[in-house]
Each structure stands twice: as structure tokens, then as C-alpha cells.
PDB file of N, CA and C in Angstrom:
ATOM      1  N   UNK A   1    -107.629   0.609  11.589  1.00  0.00           N
ATOM      2  CA  UNK A   1    -108.350   1.658  10.856  1.00  0.00           C
ATOM      3  C   UNK A   1    -107.809   3.029  11.233  1.00  0.00           C
ATOM      4  N   UNK A   2    -107.380   3.174  12.447  1.00  0.00           N
ATOM      5  CA  UNK A   2    -106.828   4.465  12.836  1.00  0.00           C
ATOM      6  C   UNK A   2    -105.560   4.811  12.049  1.00  0.00           C
ATOM      7  N   UNK A   3    -104.752   3.740  11.747  1.00  0.00           N
ATOM      8  CA  UNK A   3    -103.546   3.957  11.000  1.00  0.00           C
ATOM      9  C   UNK A   3    -103.840   4.442   9.619  1.00  0.00           C
ATOM     10  N   UNK A   4    -104.929   3.907   8.981  1.00  0.00           N
ATOM     11  CA  UNK A   4    -105.337   4.324   7.668  1.00  0.00           C
ATOM     12  C   UNK A   4    -105.723   5.829   7.677  1.00  0.00           C
ATOM     13  N   UNK A   5    -106.452   6.286   8.707  1.00  0.00           N
ATOM     14  CA  UNK A   5    -106.792   7.711   8.777  1.00  0.00           C
ATOM     15  C   UNK A   5    -105.593   8.580   8.986  1.00  0.00           C
ATOM     16  N   UNK A   6    -104.635   8.077   9.780  1.00  0.00           N
ATOM     17  CA  UNK A   6    -103.380   8.880   9.951  1.00  0.00           C
ATOM     18  C   UNK A   6    -102.607   8.903   8.668  1.00  0.00           C
ATOM     19  N   UNK A   7    -102.556   7.812   7.940  1.00  0.00           N
ATOM     20  CA  UNK A   7    -101.799   7.721   6.716  1.00  0.00           C
ATOM     21  C   UNK A   7    -102.416   8.681   5.675  1.00  0.00           C
ATOM     22  N   UNK A   8    -103.727   8.593   5.538  1.00  0.00           N
ATOM     23  CA  UNK A   8    -104.411   9.500   4.520  1.00  0.00           C
ATOM     24  C   UNK A   8    -104.232  10.969   4.969  1.00  0.00           C
ATOM     25  N   UNK A   9    -104.296  11.244   6.237  1.00  0.00           N
ATOM     26  CA  UNK A   9    -104.101  12.611   6.716  1.00  0.00           C
ATOM     27  C   UNK A   9    -102.690  13.086   6.370  1.00  0.00           C
ATOM     28  N   UNK A  10    -101.717  12.201   6.600  1.00  0.00           N
ATOM     29  CA  UNK A  10    -100.327  12.546   6.270  1.00  0.00           C
ATOM     30  C   UNK A  10    -100.170  12.732   4.780  1.00  0.00           C
ATOM     31  N   UNK A  11    -100.798  11.888   3.943  1.00  0.00           N
ATOM     32  CA  UNK A  11    -100.680  12.038   2.545  1.00  0.00           C
ATOM     33  C   UNK A  11    -101.279  13.333   2.033  1.00  0.00           C
ATOM     34  N   UNK A  12    -102.425  13.718   2.590  1.00  0.00           N
ATOM     35  CA  UNK A  12    -103.014  15.033   2.262  1.00  0.00           C
ATOM     36  C   UNK A  12    -102.172  16.179   2.653  1.00  0.00           C
ATOM     37  N   UNK A  13    -101.560  16.088   3.849  1.00  0.00           N
ATOM     38  CA  UNK A  13    -100.685  17.190   4.294  1.00  0.00           C
ATOM     39  C   UNK A  13     -99.478  17.336   3.374  1.00  0.00           C
ATOM     40  N   UNK A  14     -98.849  16.199   3.007  1.00  0.00           N
ATOM     41  CA  UNK A  14     -97.710  16.255   2.112  1.00  0.00           C
ATOM     42  C   UNK A  14     -98.135  16.785   0.767  1.00  0.00           C
ATOM     43  N   UNK A  15     -99.298  16.318   0.286  1.00  0.00           N
ATOM     44  CA  UNK A  15     -99.760  16.817  -1.049  1.00  0.00           C
ATOM     45  C   UNK A  15    -100.029  18.279  -1.012  1.00  0.00           C
ATOM     46  N   UNK A  16    -100.592  18.792   0.081  1.00  0.00           N
ATOM     47  CA  UNK A  16    -100.792  20.242   0.177  1.00  0.00           C
ATOM     48  C   UNK A  16     -99.470  20.980   0.207  1.00  0.00           C
ATOM     49  N   UNK A  17     -98.456  20.444   0.885  1.00  0.00           N
ATOM     50  CA  UNK A  17     -97.199  21.124   0.935  1.00  0.00           C
ATOM     51  C   UNK A  17     -96.555  21.181  -0.399  1.00  0.00           C
ATOM     52  N   UNK A  18     -96.649  20.059  -1.176  1.00  0.00           N
ATOM     53  CA  UNK A  18     -96.076  20.002  -2.525  1.00  0.00           C
ATOM     54  C   UNK A  18     -96.758  20.999  -3.418  1.00  0.00           C
ATOM     55  N   UNK A  19     -98.101  21.136  -3.311  1.00  0.00           N
ATOM     56  CA  UNK A  19     -98.788  22.110  -4.156  1.00  0.00           C
ATOM     57  C   UNK A  19     -98.407  23.536  -3.814  1.00  0.00           C
ATOM     58  N   UNK A  20     -98.250  23.815  -2.494  1.00  0.00           N
ATOM     59  CA  UNK A  20     -97.823  25.123  -2.087  1.00  0.00           C
ATOM     60  C   UNK A  20     -96.443  25.489  -2.605  1.00  0.00           C
ATOM     61  N   UNK A  21     -95.502  24.475  -2.480  1.00  0.00           N
ATOM     62  CA  UNK A  21     -94.145  24.698  -2.973  1.00  0.00           C
ATOM     63  C   UNK A  21     -94.173  24.912  -4.496  1.00  0.00           C
ATOM     64  N   UNK A  22     -94.928  24.144  -5.237  1.00  0.00           N
ATOM     65  CA  UNK A  22     -95.053  24.359  -6.663  1.00  0.00           C
ATOM     66  C   UNK A  22     -95.566  25.781  -6.993  1.00  0.00           C
ATOM     67  N   UNK A  23     -96.546  26.203  -6.212  1.00  0.00           N
ATOM     68  CA  UNK A  23     -97.121  27.591  -6.463  1.00  0.00           C
ATOM     69  C   UNK A  23     -96.049  28.665  -6.130  1.00  0.00           C
ATOM     70  N   UNK A  24     -95.300  28.475  -5.106  1.00  0.00           N
ATOM     71  CA  UNK A  24     -94.263  29.420  -4.730  1.00  0.00           C
ATOM     72  C   UNK A  24     -93.186  29.451  -5.803  1.00  0.00           C
ATOM     73  N   UNK A  25     -92.782  28.312  -6.311  1.00  0.00           N
ATOM     74  CA  UNK A  25     -91.787  28.214  -7.347  1.00  0.00           C
ATOM     75  C   UNK A  25     -92.283  28.841  -8.622  1.00  0.00           C
ATOM     76  N   UNK A  26     -93.546  28.695  -8.922  1.00  0.00           N
ATOM     77  CA  UNK A  26     -94.149  29.335 -10.102  1.00  0.00           C
ATOM     78  C   UNK A  26     -94.136  30.867  -9.950  1.00  0.00           C
ATOM     79  N   UNK A  27     -94.433  31.374  -8.790  1.00  0.00           N
ATOM     80  CA  UNK A  27     -94.400  32.819  -8.579  1.00  0.00           C
ATOM     81  C   UNK A  27     -92.945  33.321  -8.665  1.00  0.00           C
ATOM     82  N   UNK A  28     -92.054  32.502  -8.155  1.00  0.00           N
ATOM     83  CA  UNK A  28     -90.636  32.900  -8.261  1.00  0.00           C
ATOM     84  C   UNK A  28     -90.159  32.927  -9.732  1.00  0.00           C
ATOM     85  N   UNK A  29     -90.616  31.962 -10.495  1.00  0.00           N
ATOM     86  CA  UNK A  29     -90.315  31.953 -11.921  1.00  0.00           C
ATOM     87  C   UNK A  29     -90.848  33.236 -12.596  1.00  0.00           C
ATOM     88  N   UNK A  30     -92.061  33.601 -12.282  1.00  0.00           N
ATOM     89  CA  UNK A  30     -92.642  34.816 -12.840  1.00  0.00           C
ATOM     90  C   UNK A  30     -91.778  36.052 -12.464  1.00  0.00           C
ATOM     91  N   UNK A  31     -91.438  36.130 -11.193  1.00  0.00           N
ATOM     92  CA  UNK A  31     -90.687  37.311 -10.761  1.00  0.00           C
ATOM     93  C   UNK A  31     -89.282  37.329 -11.430  1.00  0.00           C
ATOM     94  N   UNK A  32     -88.630  36.164 -11.504  1.00  0.00           N
ATOM     95  CA  UNK A  32     -87.305  36.097 -12.121  1.00  0.00           C
ATOM     96  C   UNK A  32     -87.365  36.490 -13.581  1.00  0.00           C
ATOM     97  N   UNK A  33     -88.368  35.964 -14.298  1.00  0.00           N
ATOM     98  CA  UNK A  33     -88.459  36.343 -15.734  1.00  0.00           C
ATOM     99  C   UNK A  33     -88.793  37.792 -15.908  1.00  0.00           C
ATOM    100  N   UNK A  34     -89.425  38.425 -15.068  1.00  0.00           N
ATOM    101  CA  UNK A  34     -89.750  39.882 -15.168  1.00  0.00           C
ATOM    102  C   UNK A  34     -88.583  40.718 -14.715  1.00  0.00           C
ATOM    103  N   UNK A  35     -87.793  40.251 -13.730  1.00  0.00           N
ATOM    104  CA  UNK A  35     -86.768  41.138 -13.124  1.00  0.00           C
ATOM    105  C   UNK A  35     -85.416  41.020 -13.815  1.00  0.00           C
ATOM    106  N   UNK A  36     -85.100  39.857 -14.396  1.00  0.00           N
ATOM    107  CA  UNK A  36     -83.757  39.682 -14.917  1.00  0.00           C
ATOM    108  C   UNK A  36     -83.712  39.758 -16.409  1.00  0.00           C
ATOM    109  N   UNK A  37     -82.573  40.164 -16.956  1.00  0.00           N
ATOM    110  CA  UNK A  37     -82.419  40.257 -18.377  1.00  0.00           C
ATOM    111  C   UNK A  37     -82.147  38.885 -18.994  1.00  0.00           C
ATOM    112  N   UNK A  38     -81.345  38.080 -18.299  1.00  0.00           N
ATOM    113  CA  UNK A  38     -81.003  36.692 -18.727  1.00  0.00           C
ATOM    114  C   UNK A  38     -81.516  35.711 -17.725  1.00  0.00           C
ATOM    115  N   UNK A  39     -82.779  35.364 -17.694  1.00  0.00           N
ATOM    116  CA  UNK A  39     -83.309  34.530 -16.650  1.00  0.00           C
ATOM    117  C   UNK A  39     -83.201  33.013 -16.909  1.00  0.00           C
ATOM    118  N   UNK A  40     -82.772  32.626 -18.089  1.00  0.00           N
ATOM    119  CA  UNK A  40     -82.804  31.212 -18.537  1.00  0.00           C
ATOM    120  C   UNK A  40     -82.139  30.245 -17.571  1.00  0.00           C
ATOM    121  N   UNK A  41     -80.911  30.533 -17.067  1.00  0.00           N
ATOM    122  CA  UNK A  41     -80.303  29.525 -16.151  1.00  0.00           C
ATOM    123  C   UNK A  41     -81.093  29.338 -14.865  1.00  0.00           C
ATOM    124  N   UNK A  42     -81.620  30.416 -14.329  1.00  0.00           N
ATOM    125  CA  UNK A  42     -82.429  30.360 -13.104  1.00  0.00           C
ATOM    126  C   UNK A  42     -83.758  29.606 -13.343  1.00  0.00           C
ATOM    127  N   UNK A  43     -84.390  29.907 -14.474  1.00  0.00           N
ATOM    128  CA  UNK A  43     -85.644  29.293 -14.784  1.00  0.00           C
ATOM    129  C   UNK A  43     -85.433  27.803 -15.082  1.00  0.00           C
ATOM    130  N   UNK A  44     -84.311  27.394 -15.618  1.00  0.00           N
ATOM    131  CA  UNK A  44     -84.030  25.999 -15.847  1.00  0.00           C
ATOM    132  C   UNK A  44     -83.895  25.231 -14.611  1.00  0.00           C
ATOM    133  N   UNK A  45     -83.169  25.804 -13.637  1.00  0.00           N
ATOM    134  CA  UNK A  45     -83.015  25.193 -12.315  1.00  0.00           C
ATOM    135  C   UNK A  45     -84.353  25.025 -11.618  1.00  0.00           C
ATOM    136  N   UNK A  46     -85.149  26.042 -11.619  1.00  0.00           N
ATOM    137  CA  UNK A  46     -86.476  25.977 -11.012  1.00  0.00           C
ATOM    138  C   UNK A  46     -87.345  24.942 -11.683  1.00  0.00           C
ATOM    139  N   UNK A  47     -87.319  24.856 -13.010  1.00  0.00           N
ATOM    140  CA  UNK A  47     -88.114  23.922 -13.772  1.00  0.00           C
ATOM    141  C   UNK A  47     -87.705  22.492 -13.447  1.00  0.00           C
ATOM    142  N   UNK A  48     -86.425  22.248 -13.234  1.00  0.00           N
ATOM    143  CA  UNK A  48     -85.952  20.916 -12.864  1.00  0.00           C
ATOM    144  C   UNK A  48     -86.403  20.528 -11.465  1.00  0.00           C
ATOM    145  N   UNK A  49     -86.388  21.534 -10.589  1.00  0.00           N
ATOM    146  CA  UNK A  49     -86.869  21.242  -9.225  1.00  0.00           C
ATOM    147  C   UNK A  49     -88.385  20.945  -9.225  1.00  0.00           C
ATOM    148  N   UNK A  50     -89.110  21.702 -10.012  1.00  0.00           N
ATOM    149  CA  UNK A  50     -90.556  21.455 -10.113  1.00  0.00           C
ATOM    150  C   UNK A  50     -90.865  20.061 -10.761  1.00  0.00           C
ATOM    151  N   UNK A  51     -90.102  19.726 -11.745  1.00  0.00           N
ATOM    152  CA  UNK A  51     -90.283  18.453 -12.389  1.00  0.00           C
ATOM    153  C   UNK A  51     -90.002  17.316 -11.437  1.00  0.00           C
ATOM    154  N   UNK A  52     -88.929  17.462 -10.667  1.00  0.00           N
ATOM    155  CA  UNK A  52     -88.576  16.449  -9.658  1.00  0.00           C
ATOM    156  C   UNK A  52     -89.667  16.269  -8.616  1.00  0.00           C
ATOM    157  N   UNK A  53     -90.293  17.362  -8.173  1.00  0.00           N
ATOM    158  CA  UNK A  53     -91.351  17.280  -7.209  1.00  0.00           C
ATOM    159  C   UNK A  53     -92.554  16.563  -7.800  1.00  0.00           C
ATOM    160  N   UNK A  54     -92.861  16.909  -9.041  1.00  0.00           N
ATOM    161  CA  UNK A  54     -94.023  16.261  -9.666  1.00  0.00           C
ATOM    162  C   UNK A  54     -93.823  14.793  -9.855  1.00  0.00           C
ATOM    163  N   UNK A  55     -92.657  14.430 -10.369  1.00  0.00           N
ATOM    164  CA  UNK A  55     -92.339  13.009 -10.555  1.00  0.00           C
ATOM    165  C   UNK A  55     -92.296  12.264  -9.241  1.00  0.00           C
ATOM    166  N   UNK A  56     -91.727  12.834  -8.198  1.00  0.00           N
ATOM    167  CA  UNK A  56     -91.565  12.164  -6.995  1.00  0.00           C
ATOM    168  C   UNK A  56     -92.926  11.953  -6.287  1.00  0.00           C
ATOM    169  N   UNK A  57     -93.712  13.022  -6.234  1.00  0.00           N
ATOM    170  CA  UNK A  57     -94.976  12.963  -5.429  1.00  0.00           C
ATOM    171  C   UNK A  57     -96.164  12.485  -6.293  1.00  0.00           C
ATOM    172  N   UNK A  58     -96.443  13.129  -7.420  1.00  0.00           N
ATOM    173  CA  UNK A  58     -97.693  12.838  -8.154  1.00  0.00           C
ATOM    174  C   UNK A  58     -97.576  11.556  -8.977  1.00  0.00           C
ATOM    175  N   UNK A  59     -96.398  11.170  -9.393  1.00  0.00           N
ATOM    176  CA  UNK A  59     -96.259   9.960 -10.170  1.00  0.00           C
ATOM    177  C   UNK A  59     -95.874   8.738  -9.333  1.00  0.00           C
ATOM    178  N   UNK A  60     -95.735   8.896  -8.024  1.00  0.00           N
ATOM    179  CA  UNK A  60     -95.530   7.809  -7.055  1.00  0.00           C
ATOM    180  C   UNK A  60     -94.355   6.947  -7.403  1.00  0.00           C
ATOM    181  N   UNK A  61     -93.198   7.540  -7.728  1.00  0.00           N
ATOM    182  CA  UNK A  61     -92.009   6.817  -8.112  1.00  0.00           C
ATOM    183  C   UNK A  61     -91.502   5.970  -6.940  1.00  0.00           C
ATOM    184  N   UNK A  62     -91.669   6.438  -5.759  1.00  0.00           N
ATOM    185  CA  UNK A  62     -91.135   5.691  -4.577  1.00  0.00           C
ATOM    186  C   UNK A  62     -91.958   4.386  -4.406  1.00  0.00           C
ATOM    187  N   UNK A  63     -93.281   4.420  -4.668  1.00  0.00           N
ATOM    188  CA  UNK A  63     -94.046   3.246  -4.524  1.00  0.00           C
ATOM    189  C   UNK A  63     -93.655   2.179  -5.553  1.00  0.00           C
ATOM    190  N   UNK A  64     -93.359   2.602  -6.750  1.00  0.00           N
ATOM    191  CA  UNK A  64     -92.905   1.655  -7.794  1.00  0.00           C
ATOM    192  C   UNK A  64     -91.604   0.972  -7.371  1.00  0.00           C
ATOM    193  N   UNK A  65     -90.688   1.757  -6.898  1.00  0.00           N
ATOM    194  CA  UNK A  65     -89.407   1.194  -6.484  1.00  0.00           C
ATOM    195  C   UNK A  65     -89.571   0.208  -5.281  1.00  0.00           C
ATOM    196  N   UNK A  66     -90.450   0.515  -4.356  1.00  0.00           N
ATOM    197  CA  UNK A  66     -90.643  -0.415  -3.239  1.00  0.00           C
ATOM    198  C   UNK A  66     -91.392  -1.683  -3.649  1.00  0.00           C
ATOM    199  N   UNK A  67     -92.238  -1.649  -4.594  1.00  0.00           N
ATOM    200  CA  UNK A  67     -92.934  -2.824  -5.074  1.00  0.00           C
ATOM    201  C   UNK A  67     -92.024  -3.831  -5.750  1.00  0.00           C
ATOM    202  N   UNK A  68     -90.987  -3.283  -6.438  1.00  0.00           N
ATOM    203  CA  UNK A  68     -90.034  -4.173  -7.155  1.00  0.00           C
ATOM    204  C   UNK A  68     -89.076  -4.837  -6.194  1.00  0.00           C
ATOM    205  N   UNK A  69     -88.801  -4.253  -5.111  1.00  0.00           N
ATOM    206  CA  UNK A  69     -87.810  -4.851  -4.149  1.00  0.00           C
ATOM    207  C   UNK A  69     -88.341  -6.010  -3.378  1.00  0.00           C
TER     208      UNK A  69
END
């Protein structure tokens, strides 16, 4: 039972970190779009990073891969 509490605590910590990183990237997107004349390349890179984080963490892609193996 102690392992389950540690696992859930670790999952919450990682989830919080992912949410903070997404918030920081969103703020960076806002700043880039306001500060640069041609922000599209930078915004595209940030959007791909955010999409990767969302797919990896919130869609549990690693769990699907481990179940198939």
C-alpha cells in the first residue's frame, strides 16, 4: 500500500510539473507573438513541444506501449 501512495504522489508531482511547463510555454508563446514580427517558426516549435507533452503525459502513450509488449 505504501508503494501505491508513493506512485500516486509521484504521478501528481509529474502532472503538476507538466502543467507548469505548459503554462510557461503558453506565456512564452504570448510574448513571442507580441514581440516578433515573424513569430510563426518559433510558435510552431513551441506548439509541437506542447503537443508532445500532452500526448506523452495526458494520453498515457507509454502505458499503451508497455501493455502491448
